[in-house]
Amino acid sequence: ISIVSKLLKAEIEGEGVPTKGTPQGGILSPLLSNIVLNELDWWVSDQWETFQSNYNYKHNGSKVKALKKSKLKECYIVRYADDFKVLCRTRSQAIKMNYAIKDFLKTRLHLETSEEKSKVVNLKKNSSEFLGFSFKVKRKGKTRFGHVAQSNMTKKAKSNAHIKIKDSIKAIQKKPCNETVWHYNTVVMGIQNYYAPATEIMNNLSELASYLNKTQYNRLKDLRKEATFSHMTATLQKRYKGCKAKLYKIKNMVLVPIHAQRHKTNLCFPQDICNYTVKGRDKIHHNLKAIDKNVLAHVMKNFIPNRTIEYNDNRISKFIAQYGKCAITGIELEKHDWHCHHKNPYQHSKDDAYSNLIILHESVHRLIHLKDNEKIKTLIKILELSKKQIQKVNELRKQCENDLILN
């Protein structure tokens, strides 16, 4: 509580010490939102989805049919931090839910709502924005209900993406090297990944590209050279397979095409996946989604300037393939406690191929190269390696022409 108190009272540059609300953009704001608004989630859910009926139905479908005959309002909440949408079947239901939620927030949670942002929207006539996406319903004859959802990047999202990519182009102009081109590629791919669920993503990015290609030409025309698909790394070739855009490279690194992103269908998110329960955490690991997003973002953004493009690319691919874990110990790796090891030493092979790389905890990597027997014994005790793990270490030591560790 004392830490939370200090965070709330921390001085904001240019504004002073806040007396009301939580600082925007900090780590505390979304955390407090989740704590406070958890009650709202369950209250809305209990109106329909998790409504406890007096009769125990064998199948959920039978329960839904019965509920539709009642006077209950069919509603579903989608929330991220303090931004949420409540979806209803009819306008009358939506208006009633709007009043009910405002009343619940005021009387139960003592929260005020923004009149500008809280409104009822008919998605067949107008669009609604959420987390950088703009949604609207379009008529489509052969579909089950005759309508489908159409989604775009919002104007603000396009503007932010335009600024980010333009700044990356300027950075390349000031310092044309592999590191700045790598940063440009990560920015473009990050935007593509986030907005890929939008149905009109390719049109939105094509619109962006039409402006940014001019910027790229004006600022980089003397630095870039024409490239072909074969000049891309193996990872990029896999990602942009089938793309027929005109490609350019700077310092032998290809600039990824801005518009080359197809729509990806979003699958339903299992509601029992959760970081805060044993069952929820088990499901995360079972689905092989255990790589910490912050660690992965750090790995992808950090380009090793003195290494080849192939090494930088394959290093990321290997980290993802190993699910962010040490190949020997299985320990989940943090931002700065791991190394990428060449099985066949680079000074002999000059081989940065994917098959020649392995991701290891820094202590395990030291163990492979250590020659002092006392230090080796100490490190094995600290790491608590099994015989099978020591055998794997010995295989890597053998390739480095080091003496084998005796069990």
Protein backbone atom coordinates (compact mmCIF):
# COMPACT_ATOMS: atom_id res chain seq x y z
CA ILE A 1 0.00 0.00 0.00
CA SER A 2 2.89 2.37 0.80
CA ILE A 3 4.34 1.78 -2.71
CA VAL A 4 0.94 2.47 -4.32
CA SER A 5 0.63 5.63 -2.20
CA LYS A 6 4.04 6.90 -3.35
CA LEU A 7 3.22 6.16 -6.99
CA LEU A 8 -0.04 8.11 -6.71
CA LYS A 9 1.71 11.09 -5.12
CA ALA A 10 4.73 11.06 -7.44
CA GLU A 11 5.35 14.40 -9.12
CA ILE A 12 4.44 14.66 -12.81
CA GLU A 13 6.89 16.68 -14.88
CA GLY A 14 5.35 20.00 -15.88
CA GLU A 15 2.18 19.44 -13.82
CA GLY A 16 3.32 18.97 -10.23
CA VAL A 17 1.92 16.57 -7.61
CA PRO A 18 -1.52 15.15 -8.63
CA THR A 19 -4.42 15.50 -6.20
CA LYS A 20 -6.98 13.46 -8.15
CA GLY A 21 -6.95 10.33 -10.34
CA THR A 22 -3.97 8.23 -11.47
CA PRO A 23 -1.12 9.25 -13.79
CA GLN A 24 -1.83 8.26 -17.42
CA GLY A 25 0.71 6.00 -19.11
CA GLY A 26 2.08 4.61 -15.84
CA ILE A 27 2.05 1.01 -14.61
CA LEU A 28 -0.41 1.81 -11.82
CA SER A 29 -3.36 3.10 -13.88
CA PRO A 30 -4.28 -0.17 -15.70
CA LEU A 31 -3.62 -2.21 -12.54
CA LEU A 32 -6.01 -0.12 -10.43
CA SER A 33 -8.55 -0.15 -13.28
CA ASN A 34 -8.53 -3.96 -13.30
CA ILE A 35 -8.94 -4.12 -9.52
CA VAL A 36 -11.80 -1.61 -9.36
CA LEU A 37 -13.64 -2.57 -12.57
CA ASN A 38 -13.49 -6.33 -11.94
CA GLU A 39 -16.78 -5.93 -10.08
CA LEU A 40 -18.33 -4.24 -13.14
CA ASP A 41 -17.18 -7.15 -15.35
CA TRP A 42 -18.96 -9.70 -13.18
CA TRP A 43 -22.05 -7.54 -12.72
CA VAL A 44 -22.53 -7.21 -16.51
CA SER A 45 -21.69 -10.90 -16.98
CA ASP A 46 -24.33 -11.91 -14.40
CA GLN A 47 -26.99 -10.03 -16.38
CA TRP A 48 -26.73 -12.66 -19.14
CA GLU A 49 -23.60 -14.80 -19.68
CA THR A 50 -23.21 -16.14 -16.12
CA PHE A 51 -26.83 -15.60 -15.02
CA GLN A 52 -27.73 -18.15 -12.34
CA SER A 53 -31.09 -19.68 -13.28
CA ASN A 54 -33.21 -21.73 -10.88
CA TYR A 55 -33.19 -24.67 -13.30
CA ASN A 56 -29.93 -26.54 -14.07
CA TYR A 57 -29.68 -26.95 -17.85
CA LYS A 58 -27.61 -29.80 -19.30
CA HIS A 59 -26.44 -27.69 -22.24
CA ASN A 60 -25.67 -23.99 -22.38
CA GLY A 61 -27.61 -23.73 -25.67
CA SER A 62 -30.83 -24.72 -23.89
CA LYS A 63 -30.17 -22.12 -21.21
CA VAL A 64 -29.63 -19.37 -23.83
CA LYS A 65 -32.92 -20.29 -25.59
CA ALA A 66 -34.78 -20.00 -22.30
CA LEU A 67 -33.09 -16.69 -21.42
CA LYS A 68 -34.09 -15.21 -24.79
CA LYS A 69 -37.74 -15.83 -23.89
CA SER A 70 -37.29 -13.89 -20.65
CA LYS A 71 -37.11 -10.11 -20.16
CA LEU A 72 -33.37 -10.21 -19.43
CA LYS A 73 -31.11 -7.97 -21.51
CA GLU A 74 -28.63 -9.88 -23.69
CA CYS A 75 -25.31 -8.09 -23.19
CA TYR A 76 -21.58 -8.80 -23.35
CA ILE A 77 -18.73 -6.68 -21.98
CA VAL A 78 -15.28 -6.29 -23.57
CA ARG A 79 -12.86 -4.30 -21.42
CA TYR A 80 -9.22 -3.20 -21.51
CA ALA A 81 -8.15 -1.23 -18.40
CA ASP A 82 -10.73 1.60 -18.08
CA ASP A 83 -11.90 1.45 -21.70
CA PHE A 84 -14.84 -0.89 -22.33
CA LYS A 85 -17.69 -1.67 -24.72
CA VAL A 86 -20.98 -3.38 -23.90
CA LEU A 87 -22.63 -5.15 -26.85
CA CYS A 88 -26.42 -5.53 -26.99
CA ARG A 89 -28.94 -6.97 -29.47
CA THR A 90 -31.37 -4.05 -29.67
CA ARG A 91 -31.32 -0.27 -29.23
CA SER A 92 -33.79 -0.40 -26.32
CA GLN A 93 -31.58 -2.92 -24.50
CA ALA A 94 -28.50 -0.78 -25.16
CA ILE A 95 -30.17 2.37 -23.75
CA LYS A 96 -31.29 0.50 -20.61
CA MET A 97 -27.79 -0.96 -20.12
CA ASN A 98 -26.24 2.48 -20.61
CA TYR A 99 -28.32 3.93 -17.75
CA ALA A 100 -27.82 0.83 -15.59
CA ILE A 101 -24.02 0.84 -15.98
CA LYS A 102 -23.76 4.58 -15.26
CA ASP A 103 -25.84 4.06 -12.13
CA PHE A 104 -23.74 1.04 -11.05
CA LEU A 105 -20.47 2.95 -11.55
CA LYS A 106 -21.76 5.95 -9.58
CA THR A 107 -23.57 4.26 -6.68
CA ARG A 108 -21.49 1.10 -6.27
CA LEU A 109 -17.98 2.10 -7.40
CA HIS A 110 -18.26 5.90 -6.91
CA LEU A 111 -16.93 6.59 -10.40
CA GLU A 112 -17.97 9.30 -12.84
CA THR A 113 -18.39 8.52 -16.55
CA SER A 114 -17.45 10.73 -19.49
CA GLU A 115 -20.60 11.90 -21.30
CA GLU A 116 -18.58 12.44 -24.50
CA LYS A 117 -17.27 8.87 -24.59
CA SER A 118 -20.28 6.97 -23.21
CA LYS A 119 -22.96 6.76 -25.86
CA VAL A 120 -25.20 4.26 -27.65
CA VAL A 121 -24.06 3.47 -31.21
CA ASN A 122 -25.94 1.53 -33.90
CA LEU A 123 -23.08 -0.32 -35.63
CA LYS A 124 -25.15 -0.72 -38.81
CA LYS A 125 -25.21 3.06 -39.22
CA ASN A 126 -22.13 4.38 -37.39
CA SER A 127 -18.71 3.09 -36.39
CA SER A 128 -17.32 2.67 -32.88
CA GLU A 129 -13.67 2.89 -31.83
CA PHE A 130 -11.81 0.62 -29.43
CA LEU A 131 -8.03 0.27 -28.83
CA GLY A 132 -7.08 1.84 -32.16
CA PHE A 133 -9.66 -0.10 -34.19
CA SER A 134 -12.81 1.30 -35.79
CA PHE A 135 -15.72 -1.16 -36.10
CA LYS A 136 -18.85 -1.11 -38.23
CA VAL A 137 -21.35 -3.73 -39.42
CA LYS A 138 -21.74 -4.23 -43.18
CA ARG A 139 -24.45 -6.10 -45.07
CA LYS A 140 -23.29 -9.35 -46.66
CA GLY A 141 -25.98 -11.55 -48.22
CA LYS A 142 -24.67 -15.11 -47.91
CA THR A 143 -23.55 -14.92 -44.28
CA ARG A 144 -25.52 -16.51 -41.43
CA PHE A 145 -27.10 -13.26 -40.19
CA GLY A 146 -26.73 -11.20 -43.39
CA HIS A 147 -24.15 -8.88 -41.83
CA VAL A 148 -20.42 -8.99 -41.04
CA ALA A 149 -18.12 -6.79 -38.96
CA GLN A 150 -15.78 -4.50 -40.87
CA SER A 151 -12.81 -3.04 -39.01
CA ASN A 152 -10.23 -0.36 -39.82
CA MET A 153 -7.40 1.49 -38.13
CA THR A 154 -8.73 4.69 -36.54
CA LYS A 155 -7.58 8.10 -37.82
CA LYS A 156 -5.54 8.56 -34.64
CA ALA A 157 -3.92 5.13 -35.08
CA LYS A 158 -2.98 5.96 -38.68
CA SER A 159 -1.54 9.30 -37.58
CA ASN A 160 0.54 7.67 -34.82
CA ALA A 161 1.78 4.95 -37.19
CA HIS A 162 2.68 7.62 -39.79
CA ILE A 163 4.74 9.56 -37.21
CA LYS A 164 6.55 6.43 -35.92
CA ILE A 165 7.53 5.19 -39.39
CA LYS A 166 8.51 8.69 -40.56
CA ASP A 167 10.77 9.12 -37.51
CA SER A 168 12.40 5.76 -38.31
CA ILE A 169 13.04 6.90 -41.90
CA LYS A 170 14.64 10.12 -40.59
CA ALA A 171 16.85 8.05 -38.25
CA ILE A 172 18.10 6.00 -41.24
CA GLN A 173 18.87 9.22 -43.16
CA LYS A 174 20.93 10.57 -40.23
CA LYS A 175 22.72 7.30 -39.57
CA PRO A 176 22.44 4.79 -42.45
CA CYS A 177 23.45 1.49 -40.83
CA ASN A 178 22.04 -1.98 -40.16
CA GLU A 179 20.92 -0.94 -36.66
CA THR A 180 18.65 1.91 -37.86
CA VAL A 181 17.23 -0.22 -40.70
CA TRP A 182 16.56 -3.00 -38.17
CA HIS A 183 14.73 -0.49 -35.96
CA TYR A 184 12.66 0.68 -38.95
CA ASN A 185 11.70 -2.92 -39.75
CA THR A 186 10.69 -3.66 -36.14
CA VAL A 187 8.50 -0.52 -36.06
CA VAL A 188 6.73 -1.47 -39.33
CA MET A 189 6.29 -5.12 -38.33
CA GLY A 190 5.02 -4.09 -34.88
CA ILE A 191 2.31 -1.95 -36.50
CA GLN A 192 1.45 -4.77 -38.93
CA ASN A 193 1.21 -7.33 -36.09
CA TYR A 194 -1.02 -5.18 -33.88
CA TYR A 195 -3.49 -4.13 -36.58
CA ALA A 196 -3.53 -7.46 -38.49
CA PRO A 197 -6.99 -8.38 -37.05
CA ALA A 198 -8.53 -5.36 -38.86
CA THR A 199 -10.42 -6.60 -41.93
CA GLU A 200 -9.28 -3.59 -43.99
CA ILE A 201 -5.66 -3.69 -42.77
CA MET A 202 -4.12 -3.94 -46.25
CA ASN A 203 -6.11 -0.94 -47.52
CA ASN A 204 -5.24 1.07 -44.40
CA LEU A 205 -1.52 0.31 -44.69
CA SER A 206 -1.56 0.91 -48.46
CA GLU A 207 -2.92 4.39 -47.73
CA LEU A 208 -0.09 4.94 -45.23
CA ALA A 209 2.49 3.57 -47.65
CA SER A 210 1.39 5.97 -50.41
CA TYR A 211 2.46 8.92 -48.21
CA LEU A 212 5.49 7.31 -46.58
CA ASN A 213 6.94 5.99 -49.85
CA LYS A 214 7.35 9.63 -50.92
CA THR A 215 9.14 10.40 -47.64
CA GLN A 216 11.30 7.33 -48.11
CA TYR A 217 12.20 8.36 -51.68
CA ASN A 218 13.03 11.97 -50.76
CA ARG A 219 15.17 11.07 -47.75
CA LEU A 220 16.74 7.75 -48.77
CA LYS A 221 17.00 7.85 -52.59
CA ASP A 222 20.81 8.22 -52.46
CA LEU A 223 21.22 5.55 -49.78
CA ARG A 224 18.96 2.74 -50.92
CA LYS A 225 19.39 0.21 -53.70
CA GLU A 226 16.85 -2.00 -55.42
CA ALA A 227 16.49 -5.44 -53.85
CA THR A 228 14.83 -8.74 -54.66
CA PHE A 229 12.91 -11.21 -52.49
CA SER A 230 16.03 -13.40 -52.25
CA HIS A 231 17.90 -10.57 -50.47
CA MET A 232 15.53 -10.94 -47.50
CA THR A 233 16.55 -13.11 -44.55
CA ALA A 234 14.89 -16.54 -44.23
CA THR A 235 12.53 -15.25 -41.51
CA LEU A 236 11.40 -12.27 -43.59
CA GLN A 237 10.96 -14.49 -46.67
CA LYS A 238 8.65 -16.72 -44.65
CA ARG A 239 6.70 -13.72 -43.35
CA TYR A 240 6.33 -11.91 -46.69
CA LYS A 241 5.93 -14.95 -48.95
CA GLY A 242 3.83 -14.02 -51.99
CA CYS A 243 4.46 -10.28 -51.60
CA LYS A 244 5.17 -8.61 -54.97
CA ALA A 245 6.07 -5.14 -53.70
CA LYS A 246 9.09 -3.26 -55.00
CA LEU A 247 11.87 -3.80 -52.46
CA TYR A 248 14.85 -1.70 -51.43
CA LYS A 249 17.86 -2.36 -49.25
CA ILE A 250 20.32 -0.26 -47.27
CA LYS A 251 23.64 -1.78 -46.15
CA ASN A 252 22.44 -5.20 -47.42
CA MET A 253 19.36 -5.11 -45.17
CA VAL A 254 15.97 -5.04 -46.91
CA LEU A 255 13.38 -2.44 -45.87
CA VAL A 256 10.16 -4.35 -45.22
CA PRO A 257 7.13 -3.22 -47.30
CA ILE A 258 4.66 -1.20 -45.22
CA HIS A 259 1.45 -2.42 -46.88
CA ALA A 260 2.31 -6.15 -46.97
CA GLN A 261 0.00 -7.44 -44.24
CA ARG A 262 -3.04 -9.63 -44.79
CA HIS A 263 -6.00 -9.73 -42.42
CA LYS A 264 -5.66 -12.35 -39.68
CA THR A 265 -8.83 -13.77 -38.16
CA ASN A 266 -8.90 -13.36 -34.39
CA LEU A 267 -9.84 -16.58 -32.60
CA CYS A 268 -11.99 -16.57 -29.48
CA PHE A 269 -9.98 -15.98 -26.33
CA PRO A 270 -10.46 -18.73 -23.70
CA GLN A 271 -11.86 -17.05 -20.58
CA ASP A 272 -10.07 -19.44 -18.20
CA ILE A 273 -6.60 -18.27 -19.30
CA CYS A 274 -5.34 -16.16 -16.40
CA ASN A 275 -2.03 -15.22 -14.75
CA TYR A 276 -3.56 -15.24 -11.27
CA THR A 277 -4.82 -18.83 -10.90
CA VAL A 278 -3.01 -22.19 -11.03
CA LYS A 279 -5.38 -23.50 -13.72
CA GLY A 280 -5.03 -20.30 -15.75
CA ARG A 281 -1.22 -20.36 -15.64
CA ASP A 282 -1.15 -24.05 -16.59
CA LYS A 283 -3.24 -23.26 -19.67
CA ILE A 284 -0.83 -20.49 -20.71
CA HIS A 285 2.09 -22.92 -20.60
CA HIS A 286 0.07 -25.72 -22.22
CA ASN A 287 -0.68 -23.45 -25.19
CA LEU A 288 3.02 -22.58 -25.44
CA LYS A 289 2.37 -18.89 -24.87
CA ALA A 290 4.85 -18.65 -22.00
CA ILE A 291 7.27 -16.12 -23.53
CA ASP A 292 7.10 -12.89 -21.58
CA LYS A 293 5.96 -10.18 -24.02
CA ASN A 294 8.32 -7.58 -22.53
CA VAL A 295 11.32 -9.93 -22.83
CA LEU A 296 10.41 -10.82 -26.43
CA ALA A 297 9.97 -7.14 -27.35
CA HIS A 298 13.42 -6.41 -25.86
CA VAL A 299 15.01 -9.26 -27.83
CA MET A 300 13.44 -8.12 -31.11
CA LYS A 301 14.35 -4.45 -30.70
CA ASN A 302 17.97 -4.98 -29.69
CA PHE A 303 20.12 -5.30 -32.79
CA ILE A 304 23.71 -6.53 -32.23
CA PRO A 305 25.68 -4.04 -34.39
CA ASN A 306 28.90 -6.05 -34.75
CA ARG A 307 27.12 -9.18 -35.98
CA THR A 308 25.64 -10.18 -39.33
CA ILE A 309 22.00 -9.66 -40.31
CA GLU A 310 21.63 -13.44 -40.50
CA TYR A 311 22.82 -13.79 -36.88
CA ASN A 312 20.45 -11.10 -35.58
CA ASP A 313 17.52 -12.62 -37.44
CA ASN A 314 18.20 -16.25 -36.49
CA ARG A 315 18.92 -15.30 -32.88
CA ILE A 316 15.33 -14.03 -32.52
CA SER A 317 13.89 -17.07 -34.34
CA LYS A 318 15.82 -19.43 -32.04
CA PHE A 319 14.68 -17.58 -28.90
CA ILE A 320 11.04 -17.91 -30.02
CA ALA A 321 11.50 -21.56 -31.06
CA GLN A 322 12.81 -22.36 -27.55
CA TYR A 323 9.86 -20.46 -26.01
CA GLY A 324 12.30 -18.12 -24.22
CA LYS A 325 13.88 -20.97 -22.24
CA CYS A 326 17.46 -22.22 -21.81
CA ALA A 327 18.07 -25.27 -24.04
CA ILE A 328 19.90 -27.10 -21.20
CA THR A 329 18.14 -26.16 -17.96
CA GLY A 330 14.69 -25.16 -19.24
CA ILE A 331 14.85 -21.99 -17.12
CA GLU A 332 12.65 -19.12 -18.34
CA LEU A 333 15.00 -16.37 -19.47
CA GLU A 334 14.86 -12.68 -18.59
CA LYS A 335 16.01 -9.69 -20.66
CA HIS A 336 19.71 -9.79 -19.77
CA ASP A 337 20.53 -13.29 -18.44
CA TRP A 338 20.95 -15.25 -21.68
CA HIS A 339 23.44 -15.70 -24.52
CA CYS A 340 23.19 -16.99 -28.08
CA HIS A 341 25.88 -19.68 -28.50
CA HIS A 342 27.43 -20.95 -31.75
CA LYS A 343 27.57 -24.76 -31.55
CA ASN A 344 30.38 -24.86 -34.07
CA PRO A 345 32.57 -21.89 -32.94
CA TYR A 346 32.16 -18.81 -35.15
CA GLN A 347 35.91 -18.17 -35.38
CA HIS A 348 36.28 -21.52 -37.16
CA SER A 349 33.03 -21.83 -39.11
CA LYS A 350 31.83 -18.22 -39.70
CA ASP A 351 28.41 -19.88 -39.58
CA ASP A 352 25.43 -17.84 -38.33
CA ALA A 353 22.86 -20.34 -39.63
CA TYR A 354 19.78 -21.10 -37.52
CA SER A 355 20.91 -24.72 -37.02
CA ASN A 356 24.27 -23.58 -35.58
CA LEU A 357 22.72 -21.39 -32.86
CA ILE A 358 21.38 -22.30 -29.43
CA ILE A 359 19.95 -20.10 -26.66
CA LEU A 360 21.46 -20.65 -23.20
CA HIS A 361 21.37 -19.10 -19.75
CA GLU A 362 24.53 -17.00 -19.31
CA SER A 363 25.82 -19.33 -16.52
CA VAL A 364 25.37 -22.40 -18.75
CA HIS A 365 27.16 -20.57 -21.56
CA ARG A 366 30.08 -19.85 -19.19
CA LEU A 367 30.14 -23.52 -18.23
CA ILE A 368 30.63 -24.54 -21.87
CA HIS A 369 33.73 -22.37 -22.24
CA LEU A 370 35.24 -22.72 -18.72
CA LYS A 371 38.51 -24.65 -18.35
CA ASP A 372 39.14 -24.26 -14.60
CA ASN A 373 37.92 -27.50 -12.92
CA GLU A 374 37.16 -25.84 -9.56
CA LYS A 375 35.03 -23.15 -11.19
CA ILE A 376 33.26 -25.82 -13.27
CA LYS A 377 32.37 -27.84 -10.12
CA THR A 378 31.12 -24.71 -8.34
CA LEU A 379 28.94 -23.68 -11.28
CA ILE A 380 27.43 -27.19 -11.64
CA LYS A 381 26.45 -27.09 -7.93
CA ILE A 382 24.86 -23.66 -8.31
CA LEU A 383 22.93 -24.71 -11.43
CA GLU A 384 22.02 -28.12 -9.90
CA LEU A 385 22.49 -29.87 -13.24
CA SER A 386 21.38 -33.48 -13.67
CA LYS A 387 23.52 -36.13 -15.39
CA LYS A 388 21.43 -35.76 -18.53
CA GLN A 389 21.95 -31.98 -18.53
CA ILE A 390 25.72 -32.37 -17.98
CA GLN A 391 25.74 -34.76 -20.95
CA LYS A 392 24.15 -32.03 -23.12
CA VAL A 393 26.74 -29.52 -21.87
CA ASN A 394 29.51 -31.99 -22.77
CA GLU A 395 28.18 -32.28 -26.32
CA LEU A 396 28.53 -28.51 -26.72
CA ARG A 397 31.96 -28.50 -24.98
CA LYS A 398 33.16 -31.19 -27.38
CA GLN A 399 32.23 -29.03 -30.39
CA CYS A 400 34.24 -26.19 -28.79
CA GLU A 401 37.19 -28.60 -28.37
CA ASN A 402 37.07 -28.32 -24.56
CA ASP A 403 37.61 -31.20 -22.12
CA LEU A 404 34.50 -33.11 -21.08
CA ILE A 405 33.09 -32.67 -17.58
CA LEU A 406 33.35 -35.89 -15.56
CA ASN A 407 30.23 -36.80 -13.56
